[in-house]
Amino acid sequence: MRAKLQLLAWAFGLLAVAHPAIVPPTLATLLFLAEVVGAVVGWFLAHLALTLTIAAGVLVAQMFPGRLGNAARWFGRAWDTSIDAILPVKAPAKA
């Protein structure tokens, strides 16, 4: 594997010497691809953290079985209130 990577590096080096005008766009393209990979990894880790947080909440809720309904109702009301504060519900227009 290392020999193949070294051969690839030599090939890119020779291409850079032979065609110096394509080096900046090639590096920009490689940098862009690295940024895309970084964004995908970041997105995955962000959603992984959300998933693990929800799983931890479910496990904690199982420790208090009688309280889950009250907590869910409270969370639902808090969620509705926060959404209504941001996006007030408009009365439907009468036809």
PDB file of N, CA and C in Angstrom:
ATOM      1  N   MET A   1       0.835  -1.199   0.000  1.00  0.00           N
ATOM      2  CA  MET A   1       0.000   0.000   0.000  1.00  0.00           C
ATOM      3  C   MET A   1       0.873   1.254   0.000  1.00  0.00           C
ATOM      4  N   ARG A   2       1.909   1.228   0.830  1.00  0.00           N
ATOM      5  CA  ARG A   2       2.775   2.400   0.890  1.00  0.00           C
ATOM      6  C   ARG A   2       3.488   2.625  -0.444  1.00  0.00           C
ATOM      7  N   ALA A   3       3.871   1.552  -1.085  1.00  0.00           N
ATOM      8  CA  ALA A   3       4.560   1.679  -2.376  1.00  0.00           C
ATOM      9  C   ALA A   3       3.637   2.286  -3.433  1.00  0.00           C
ATOM     10  N   LYS A   4       2.358   1.906  -3.372  1.00  0.00           N
ATOM     11  CA  LYS A   4       1.400   2.465  -4.340  1.00  0.00           C
ATOM     12  C   LYS A   4       1.190   3.955  -4.091  1.00  0.00           C
ATOM     13  N   LEU A   5       1.103   4.340  -2.828  1.00  0.00           N
ATOM     14  CA  LEU A   5       0.935   5.765  -2.522  1.00  0.00           C
ATOM     15  C   LEU A   5       2.171   6.563  -2.918  1.00  0.00           C
ATOM     16  N   GLN A   6       3.336   5.971  -2.718  1.00  0.00           N
ATOM     17  CA  GLN A   6       4.566   6.653  -3.110  1.00  0.00           C
ATOM     18  C   GLN A   6       4.625   6.808  -4.632  1.00  0.00           C
ATOM     19  N   LEU A   7       4.217   5.770  -5.353  1.00  0.00           N
ATOM     20  CA  LEU A   7       4.179   5.850  -6.809  1.00  0.00           C
ATOM     21  C   LEU A   7       3.194   6.917  -7.278  1.00  0.00           C
ATOM     22  N   LEU A   8       2.049   6.990  -6.628  1.00  0.00           N
ATOM     23  CA  LEU A   8       1.062   8.014  -6.957  1.00  0.00           C
ATOM     24  C   LEU A   8       1.600   9.411  -6.675  1.00  0.00           C
ATOM     25  N   ALA A   9       2.298   9.578  -5.563  1.00  0.00           N
ATOM     26  CA  ALA A   9       2.888  10.880  -5.235  1.00  0.00           C
ATOM     27  C   ALA A   9       3.923  11.282  -6.292  1.00  0.00           C
ATOM     28  N   TRP A  10       4.758  10.336  -6.727  1.00  0.00           N
ATOM     29  CA  TRP A  10       5.728  10.628  -7.771  1.00  0.00           C
ATOM     30  C   TRP A  10       5.033  11.014  -9.080  1.00  0.00           C
ATOM     31  N   ALA A  11       3.959  10.319  -9.405  1.00  0.00           N
ATOM     32  CA  ALA A  11       3.231  10.636 -10.640  1.00  0.00           C
ATOM     33  C   ALA A  11       2.663  12.051 -10.581  1.00  0.00           C
ATOM     34  N   PHE A  12       2.066  12.408  -9.434  1.00  0.00           N
ATOM     35  CA  PHE A  12       1.542  13.774  -9.295  1.00  0.00           C
ATOM     36  C   PHE A  12       2.663  14.808  -9.324  1.00  0.00           C
ATOM     37  N   GLY A  13       3.786  14.473  -8.747  1.00  0.00           N
ATOM     38  CA  GLY A  13       4.933  15.387  -8.780  1.00  0.00           C
ATOM     39  C   GLY A  13       5.437  15.622 -10.187  1.00  0.00           C
ATOM     40  N   LEU A  14       5.543  14.553 -10.957  1.00  0.00           N
ATOM     41  CA  LEU A  14       5.985  14.704 -12.346  1.00  0.00           C
ATOM     42  C   LEU A  14       4.972  15.482 -13.183  1.00  0.00           C
ATOM     43  N   LEU A  15       3.691  15.244 -12.938  1.00  0.00           N
ATOM     44  CA  LEU A  15       2.665  16.022 -13.644  1.00  0.00           C
ATOM     45  C   LEU A  15       2.741  17.500 -13.280  1.00  0.00           C
ATOM     46  N   ALA A  16       3.026  17.796 -12.022  1.00  0.00           N
ATOM     47  CA  ALA A  16       3.139  19.192 -11.593  1.00  0.00           C
ATOM     48  C   ALA A  16       4.328  19.871 -12.252  1.00  0.00           C
ATOM     49  N   VAL A  17       5.417  19.134 -12.410  1.00  0.00           N
ATOM     50  CA  VAL A  17       6.591  19.702 -13.082  1.00  0.00           C
ATOM     51  C   VAL A  17       6.307  19.894 -14.570  1.00  0.00           C
ATOM     52  N   ALA A  18       5.630  18.938 -15.176  1.00  0.00           N
ATOM     53  CA  ALA A  18       5.365  19.003 -16.616  1.00  0.00           C
ATOM     54  C   ALA A  18       4.301  20.044 -16.960  1.00  0.00           C
ATOM     55  N   HIS A  19       3.321  20.227 -16.080  1.00  0.00           N
ATOM     56  CA  HIS A  19       2.208  21.151 -16.349  1.00  0.00           C
ATOM     57  C   HIS A  19       1.967  22.036 -15.129  1.00  0.00           C
ATOM     58  N   PRO A  20       2.810  23.040 -14.915  1.00  0.00           N
ATOM     59  CA  PRO A  20       2.667  23.857 -13.702  1.00  0.00           C
ATOM     60  C   PRO A  20       1.375  24.688 -13.671  1.00  0.00           C
ATOM     61  N   ALA A  21       0.752  24.910 -14.802  1.00  0.00           N
ATOM     62  CA  ALA A  21      -0.464  25.733 -14.818  1.00  0.00           C
ATOM     63  C   ALA A  21      -1.652  25.017 -14.196  1.00  0.00           C
ATOM     64  N   ILE A  22      -1.631  23.685 -14.160  1.00  0.00           N
ATOM     65  CA  ILE A  22      -2.784  22.967 -13.604  1.00  0.00           C
ATOM     66  C   ILE A  22      -2.651  22.696 -12.107  1.00  0.00           C
ATOM     67  N   VAL A  23      -1.534  23.084 -11.508  1.00  0.00           N
ATOM     68  CA  VAL A  23      -1.337  22.805 -10.079  1.00  0.00           C
ATOM     69  C   VAL A  23      -2.354  23.558  -9.208  1.00  0.00           C
ATOM     70  N   PRO A  24      -2.541  24.876  -9.366  1.00  0.00           N
ATOM     71  CA  PRO A  24      -3.506  25.555  -8.491  1.00  0.00           C
ATOM     72  C   PRO A  24      -4.938  25.031  -8.610  1.00  0.00           C
ATOM     73  N   PRO A  25      -5.478  24.817  -9.838  1.00  0.00           N
ATOM     74  CA  PRO A  25      -6.840  24.274  -9.882  1.00  0.00           C
ATOM     75  C   PRO A  25      -6.930  22.853  -9.315  1.00  0.00           C
ATOM     76  N   THR A  26      -5.873  22.074  -9.526  1.00  0.00           N
ATOM     77  CA  THR A  26      -5.875  20.709  -8.987  1.00  0.00           C
ATOM     78  C   THR A  26      -5.860  20.734  -7.471  1.00  0.00           C
ATOM     79  N   LEU A  27      -5.027  21.574  -6.886  1.00  0.00           N
ATOM     80  CA  LEU A  27      -4.994  21.686  -5.425  1.00  0.00           C
ATOM     81  C   LEU A  27      -6.317  22.216  -4.887  1.00  0.00           C
ATOM     82  N   ALA A  28      -6.929  23.165  -5.595  1.00  0.00           N
ATOM     83  CA  ALA A  28      -8.219  23.688  -5.161  1.00  0.00           C
ATOM     84  C   ALA A  28      -9.289  22.600  -5.192  1.00  0.00           C
ATOM     85  N   THR A  29      -9.247  21.765  -6.230  1.00  0.00           N
ATOM     86  CA  THR A  29     -10.210  20.662  -6.327  1.00  0.00           C
ATOM     87  C   THR A  29      -9.998  19.656  -5.209  1.00  0.00           C
ATOM     88  N   LEU A  30      -8.740  19.300  -4.944  1.00  0.00           N
ATOM     89  CA  LEU A  30      -8.454  18.359  -3.859  1.00  0.00           C
ATOM     90  C   LEU A  30      -8.854  18.934  -2.503  1.00  0.00           C
ATOM     91  N   LEU A  31      -8.621  20.231  -2.309  1.00  0.00           N
ATOM     92  CA  LEU A  31      -9.022  20.880  -1.063  1.00  0.00           C
ATOM     93  C   LEU A  31     -10.540  20.886  -0.926  1.00  0.00           C
ATOM     94  N   PHE A  32     -11.231  21.141  -2.024  1.00  0.00           N
ATOM     95  CA  PHE A  32     -12.691  21.116  -1.996  1.00  0.00           C
ATOM     96  C   PHE A  32     -13.210  19.727  -1.630  1.00  0.00           C
ATOM     97  N   LEU A  33     -12.610  18.692  -2.216  1.00  0.00           N
ATOM     98  CA  LEU A  33     -13.020  17.325  -1.890  1.00  0.00           C
ATOM     99  C   LEU A  33     -12.763  17.002  -0.418  1.00  0.00           C
ATOM    100  N   ALA A  34     -11.642  17.481   0.108  1.00  0.00           N
ATOM    101  CA  ALA A  34     -11.349  17.267   1.527  1.00  0.00           C
ATOM    102  C   ALA A  34     -12.377  17.990   2.405  1.00  0.00           C
ATOM    103  N   GLU A  35     -12.798  19.191   1.993  1.00  0.00           N
ATOM    104  CA  GLU A  35     -13.815  19.922   2.740  1.00  0.00           C
ATOM    105  C   GLU A  35     -15.156  19.204   2.698  1.00  0.00           C
ATOM    106  N   VAL A  36     -15.493  18.627   1.565  1.00  0.00           N
ATOM    107  CA  VAL A  36     -16.742  17.870   1.447  1.00  0.00           C
ATOM    108  C   VAL A  36     -16.708  16.657   2.379  1.00  0.00           C
ATOM    109  N   VAL A  37     -15.597  15.958   2.383  1.00  0.00           N
ATOM    110  CA  VAL A  37     -15.463  14.811   3.285  1.00  0.00           C
ATOM    111  C   VAL A  37     -15.580  15.271   4.740  1.00  0.00           C
ATOM    112  N   GLY A  38     -14.950  16.382   5.070  1.00  0.00           N
ATOM    113  CA  GLY A  38     -15.049  16.928   6.431  1.00  0.00           C
ATOM    114  C   GLY A  38     -16.474  17.304   6.795  1.00  0.00           C
ATOM    115  N   ALA A  39     -17.204  17.875   5.845  1.00  0.00           N
ATOM    116  CA  ALA A  39     -18.597  18.246   6.115  1.00  0.00           C
ATOM    117  C   ALA A  39     -19.457  17.006   6.343  1.00  0.00           C
ATOM    118  N   VAL A  40     -19.219  15.970   5.549  1.00  0.00           N
ATOM    119  CA  VAL A  40     -19.994  14.731   5.715  1.00  0.00           C
ATOM    120  C   VAL A  40     -19.693  14.096   7.071  1.00  0.00           C
ATOM    121  N   VAL A  41     -18.420  14.067   7.445  1.00  0.00           N
ATOM    122  CA  VAL A  41     -18.056  13.509   8.753  1.00  0.00           C
ATOM    123  C   VAL A  41     -18.665  14.343   9.872  1.00  0.00           C
ATOM    124  N   GLY A  42     -18.616  15.656   9.748  1.00  0.00           N
ATOM    125  CA  GLY A  42     -19.220  16.527  10.767  1.00  0.00           C
ATOM    126  C   GLY A  42     -20.715  16.328  10.875  1.00  0.00           C
ATOM    127  N   TRP A  43     -21.390  16.193   9.736  1.00  0.00           N
ATOM    128  CA  TRP A  43     -22.831  15.966   9.751  1.00  0.00           C
ATOM    129  C   TRP A  43     -23.150  14.649  10.447  1.00  0.00           C
ATOM    130  N   PHE A  44     -22.379  13.626  10.127  1.00  0.00           N
ATOM    131  CA  PHE A  44     -22.597  12.317  10.750  1.00  0.00           C
ATOM    132  C   PHE A  44     -22.388  12.394  12.258  1.00  0.00           C
ATOM    133  N   LEU A  45     -21.317  13.054  12.673  1.00  0.00           N
ATOM    134  CA  LEU A  45     -21.049  13.146  14.110  1.00  0.00           C
ATOM    135  C   LEU A  45     -22.094  13.990  14.826  1.00  0.00           C
ATOM    136  N   ALA A  46     -22.590  15.032  14.175  1.00  0.00           N
ATOM    137  CA  ALA A  46     -23.625  15.852  14.793  1.00  0.00           C
ATOM    138  C   ALA A  46     -24.900  15.047  14.989  1.00  0.00           C
ATOM    139  N   HIS A  47     -25.279  14.275  13.993  1.00  0.00           N
ATOM    140  CA  HIS A  47     -26.489  13.479  14.122  1.00  0.00           C
ATOM    141  C   HIS A  47     -26.277  12.285  15.046  1.00  0.00           C
ATOM    142  N   LEU A  48     -25.051  11.795  15.106  1.00  0.00           N
ATOM    143  CA  LEU A  48     -24.740  10.726  16.046  1.00  0.00           C
ATOM    144  C   LEU A  48     -24.914  11.230  17.472  1.00  0.00           C
ATOM    145  N   ALA A  49     -24.463  12.454  17.732  1.00  0.00           N
ATOM    146  CA  ALA A  49     -24.618  13.028  19.061  1.00  0.00           C
ATOM    147  C   ALA A  49     -26.095  13.208  19.397  1.00  0.00           C
ATOM    148  N   LEU A  50     -26.888  13.647  18.436  1.00  0.00           N
ATOM    149  CA  LEU A  50     -28.322  13.799  18.670  1.00  0.00           C
ATOM    150  C   LEU A  50     -28.959  12.448  18.976  1.00  0.00           C
ATOM    151  N   THR A  51     -28.597  11.435  18.206  1.00  0.00           N
ATOM    152  CA  THR A  51     -29.151  10.096  18.419  1.00  0.00           C
ATOM    153  C   THR A  51     -28.767   9.563  19.787  1.00  0.00           C
ATOM    154  N   LEU A  52     -27.521   9.726  20.161  1.00  0.00           N
ATOM    155  CA  LEU A  52     -27.077   9.245  21.469  1.00  0.00           C
ATOM    156  C   LEU A  52     -27.733  10.032  22.606  1.00  0.00           C
ATOM    157  N   THR A  53     -27.987  11.319  22.397  1.00  0.00           N
ATOM    158  CA  THR A  53     -28.671  12.115  23.418  1.00  0.00           C
ATOM    159  C   THR A  53     -30.098  11.634  23.617  1.00  0.00           C
ATOM    160  N   ILE A  54     -30.794  11.366  22.525  1.00  0.00           N
ATOM    161  CA  ILE A  54     -32.165  10.853  22.627  1.00  0.00           C
ATOM    162  C   ILE A  54     -32.168   9.490  23.303  1.00  0.00           C
ATOM    163  N   ALA A  55     -31.209   8.625  22.944  1.00  0.00           N
ATOM    164  CA  ALA A  55     -31.130   7.303  23.566  1.00  0.00           C
ATOM    165  C   ALA A  55     -30.869   7.428  25.063  1.00  0.00           C
ATOM    166  N   ALA A  56     -30.016   8.353  25.459  1.00  0.00           N
ATOM    167  CA  ALA A  56     -29.754   8.551  26.880  1.00  0.00           C
ATOM    168  C   ALA A  56     -31.019   9.040  27.588  1.00  0.00           C
ATOM    169  N   GLY A  57     -31.777   9.918  26.937  1.00  0.00           N
ATOM    170  CA  GLY A  57     -33.037  10.383  27.524  1.00  0.00           C
ATOM    171  C   GLY A  57     -34.031   9.257  27.708  1.00  0.00           C
ATOM    172  N   VAL A  58     -34.094   8.356  26.746  1.00  0.00           N
ATOM    173  CA  VAL A  58     -35.004   7.212  26.857  1.00  0.00           C
ATOM    174  C   VAL A  58     -34.583   6.321  28.018  1.00  0.00           C
ATOM    175  N   LEU A  59     -33.293   6.084  28.155  1.00  0.00           N
ATOM    176  CA  LEU A  59     -32.810   5.251  29.265  1.00  0.00           C
ATOM    177  C   LEU A  59     -33.100   5.891  30.616  1.00  0.00           C
ATOM    178  N   VAL A  60     -32.915   7.196  30.726  1.00  0.00           N
ATOM    179  CA  VAL A  60     -33.217   7.887  31.987  1.00  0.00           C
ATOM    180  C   VAL A  60     -34.715   7.843  32.256  1.00  0.00           C
ATOM    181  N   ALA A  61     -35.527   8.004  31.214  1.00  0.00           N
ATOM    182  CA  ALA A  61     -36.985   7.968  31.391  1.00  0.00           C
ATOM    183  C   ALA A  61     -37.446   6.590  31.865  1.00  0.00           C
ATOM    184  N   GLN A  62     -36.750   5.545  31.486  1.00  0.00           N
ATOM    185  CA  GLN A  62     -37.125   4.204  31.930  1.00  0.00           C
ATOM    186  C   GLN A  62     -36.854   4.007  33.416  1.00  0.00           C
ATOM    187  N   MET A  63     -35.992   4.834  33.969  1.00  0.00           N
ATOM    188  CA  MET A  63     -35.716   4.732  35.405  1.00  0.00           C
ATOM    189  C   MET A  63     -36.886   5.249  36.230  1.00  0.00           C
ATOM    190  N   PHE A  64     -37.693   6.127  35.656  1.00  0.00           N
ATOM    191  CA  PHE A  64     -38.835   6.720  36.348  1.00  0.00           C
ATOM    192  C   PHE A  64     -40.096   6.459  35.527  1.00  0.00           C
ATOM    193  N   PRO A  65     -40.649   5.245  35.588  1.00  0.00           N
ATOM    194  CA  PRO A  65     -41.741   4.892  34.670  1.00  0.00           C
ATOM    195  C   PRO A  65     -43.010   5.719  34.867  1.00  0.00           C
ATOM    196  N   GLY A  66     -43.357   6.127  36.072  1.00  0.00           N
ATOM    197  CA  GLY A  66     -44.583   6.892  36.291  1.00  0.00           C
ATOM    198  C   GLY A  66     -44.472   8.334  35.851  1.00  0.00           C
ATOM    199  N   ARG A  67     -43.277   8.818  35.707  1.00  0.00           N
ATOM    200  CA  ARG A  67     -43.055  10.235  35.393  1.00  0.00           C
ATOM    201  C   ARG A  67     -42.970  10.512  33.899  1.00  0.00           C
ATOM    202  N   LEU A  68     -42.859   9.482  33.099  1.00  0.00           N
ATOM    203  CA  LEU A  68     -42.646   9.685  31.667  1.00  0.00           C
ATOM    204  C   LEU A  68     -43.807  10.425  31.014  1.00  0.00           C
ATOM    205  N   GLY A  69     -45.043  10.069  31.365  1.00  0.00           N
ATOM    206  CA  GLY A  69     -46.201  10.742  30.776  1.00  0.00           C
ATOM    207  C   GLY A  69     -46.246  12.207  31.140  1.00  0.00           C
ATOM    208  N   ASN A  70     -45.976  12.527  32.404  1.00  0.00           N
ATOM    209  CA  ASN A  70     -45.969  13.932  32.828  1.00  0.00           C
ATOM    210  C   ASN A  70     -44.867  14.716  32.122  1.00  0.00           C
ATOM    211  N   ALA A  71     -43.697  14.103  32.026  1.00  0.00           N
ATOM    212  CA  ALA A  71     -42.587  14.788  31.358  1.00  0.00           C
ATOM    213  C   ALA A  71     -42.883  14.993  29.874  1.00  0.00           C
ATOM    214  N   ALA A  72     -43.493  14.005  29.243  1.00  0.00           N
ATOM    215  CA  ALA A  72     -43.814  14.133  27.822  1.00  0.00           C
ATOM    216  C   ALA A  72     -44.851  15.222  27.596  1.00  0.00           C
ATOM    217  N   ARG A  73     -45.864  15.293  28.468  1.00  0.00           N
ATOM    218  CA  ARG A  73     -46.874  16.355  28.332  1.00  0.00           C
ATOM    219  C   ARG A  73     -46.249  17.730  28.561  1.00  0.00           C
ATOM    220  N   TRP A  74     -45.384  17.819  29.586  1.00  0.00           N
ATOM    221  CA  TRP A  74     -44.729  19.095  29.856  1.00  0.00           C
ATOM    222  C   TRP A  74     -43.867  19.499  28.667  1.00  0.00           C
ATOM    223  N   PHE A  75     -43.095  18.551  28.129  1.00  0.00           N
ATOM    224  CA  PHE A  75     -42.232  18.859  26.991  1.00  0.00           C
ATOM    225  C   PHE A  75     -43.067  19.263  25.776  1.00  0.00           C
ATOM    226  N   GLY A  76     -44.182  18.578  25.557  1.00  0.00           N
ATOM    227  CA  GLY A  76     -45.056  18.929  24.441  1.00  0.00           C
ATOM    228  C   GLY A  76     -45.610  20.336  24.566  1.00  0.00           C
ATOM    229  N   ARG A  77     -46.051  20.692  25.788  1.00  0.00           N
ATOM    230  CA  ARG A  77     -46.568  22.057  25.994  1.00  0.00           C
ATOM    231  C   ARG A  77     -45.460  23.099  25.814  1.00  0.00           C
ATOM    232  N   ALA A  78     -44.275  22.808  26.349  1.00  0.00           N
ATOM    233  CA  ALA A  78     -43.155  23.743  26.206  1.00  0.00           C
ATOM    234  C   ALA A  78     -42.772  23.902  24.738  1.00  0.00           C
ATOM    235  N   TRP A  79     -42.795  22.802  24.004  1.00  0.00           N
ATOM    236  CA  TRP A  79     -42.472  22.847  22.573  1.00  0.00           C
ATOM    237  C   TRP A  79     -43.495  23.706  21.831  1.00  0.00           C
ATOM    238  N   ASP A  80     -44.780  23.468  22.092  1.00  0.00           N
ATOM    239  CA  ASP A  80     -45.829  24.246  21.431  1.00  0.00           C
ATOM    240  C   ASP A  80     -45.716  25.722  21.766  1.00  0.00           C
ATOM    241  N   THR A  81     -45.453  26.025  23.022  1.00  0.00           N
ATOM    242  CA  THR A  81     -45.328  27.426  23.441  1.00  0.00           C
ATOM    243  C   THR A  81     -44.148  28.093  22.747  1.00  0.00           C
ATOM    244  N   SER A  82     -43.023  27.392  22.667  1.00  0.00           N
ATOM    245  CA  SER A  82     -41.856  27.998  22.026  1.00  0.00           C
ATOM    246  C   SER A  82     -42.084  28.207  20.531  1.00  0.00           C
ATOM    247  N   ILE A  83     -42.755  27.268  19.881  1.00  0.00           N
ATOM    248  CA  ILE A  83     -43.050  27.429  18.456  1.00  0.00           C
ATOM    249  C   ILE A  83     -44.039  28.572  18.250  1.00  0.00           C
ATOM    250  N   ASP A  84     -45.068  28.655  19.121  1.00  0.00           N
ATOM    251  CA  ASP A  84     -46.051  29.738  19.000  1.00  0.00           C
ATOM    252  C   ASP A  84     -45.419  31.096  19.239  1.00  0.00           C
ATOM    253  N   ALA A  85     -44.395  31.152  20.085  1.00  0.00           N
ATOM    254  CA  ALA A  85     -43.721  32.429  20.327  1.00  0.00           C
ATOM    255  C   ALA A  85     -42.956  32.884  19.095  1.00  0.00           C
ATOM    256  N   ILE A  86     -42.442  31.933  18.332  1.00  0.00           N
ATOM    257  CA  ILE A  86     -41.665  32.274  17.138  1.00  0.00           C
ATOM    258  C   ILE A  86     -42.582  32.460  15.934  1.00  0.00           C
ATOM    259  N   LEU A  87     -43.510  31.538  15.755  1.00  0.00           N
ATOM    260  CA  LEU A  87     -44.419  31.572  14.615  1.00  0.00           C
ATOM    261  C   LEU A  87     -45.867  31.605  15.116  1.00  0.00           C
ATOM    262  N   PRO A  88     -46.389  32.775  15.399  1.00  0.00           N
ATOM    263  CA  PRO A  88     -47.758  32.821  15.917  1.00  0.00           C
ATOM    264  C   PRO A  88     -48.755  32.253  14.904  1.00  0.00           C
ATOM    265  N   VAL A  89     -49.738  31.559  15.409  1.00  0.00           N
ATOM    266  CA  VAL A  89     -50.755  30.948  14.555  1.00  0.00           C
ATOM    267  C   VAL A  89     -51.746  32.032  14.138  1.00  0.00           C
ATOM    268  N   LYS A  90     -51.969  32.118  12.839  1.00  0.00           N
ATOM    269  CA  LYS A  90     -52.910  33.106  12.339  1.00  0.00           C
ATOM    270  C   LYS A  90     -54.282  32.455  12.205  1.00  0.00           C
ATOM    271  N   ALA A  91     -55.313  33.213  12.476  1.00  0.00           N
ATOM    272  CA  ALA A  91     -56.671  32.695  12.343  1.00  0.00           C
ATOM    273  C   ALA A  91     -56.959  32.417  10.873  1.00  0.00           C
ATOM    274  N   PRO A  92     -57.608  31.282  10.580  1.00  0.00           N
ATOM    275  CA  PRO A  92     -57.907  30.990   9.170  1.00  0.00           C
ATOM    276  C   PRO A  92     -58.891  32.024   8.601  1.00  0.00           C
ATOM    277  N   ALA A  93     -58.677  32.361   7.355  1.00  0.00           N
ATOM    278  CA  ALA A  93     -59.553  33.325   6.686  1.00  0.00           C
ATOM    279  C   ALA A  93     -60.917  32.707   6.429  1.00  0.00           C
ATOM    280  N   LYS A  94     -61.954  33.477   6.691  1.00  0.00           N
ATOM    281  CA  LYS A  94     -63.322  32.973   6.460  1.00  0.00           C
ATOM    282  C   LYS A  94     -63.663  33.116   4.990  1.00  0.00           C
ATOM    283  N   ALA A  95     -64.264  32.067   4.477  1.00  0.00           N
ATOM    284  CA  ALA A  95     -64.589  32.064   3.039  1.00  0.00           C
ATOM    285  C   ALA A  95     -65.889  32.797   2.766  1.00  0.00           C
TER     286      ALA A  95
END
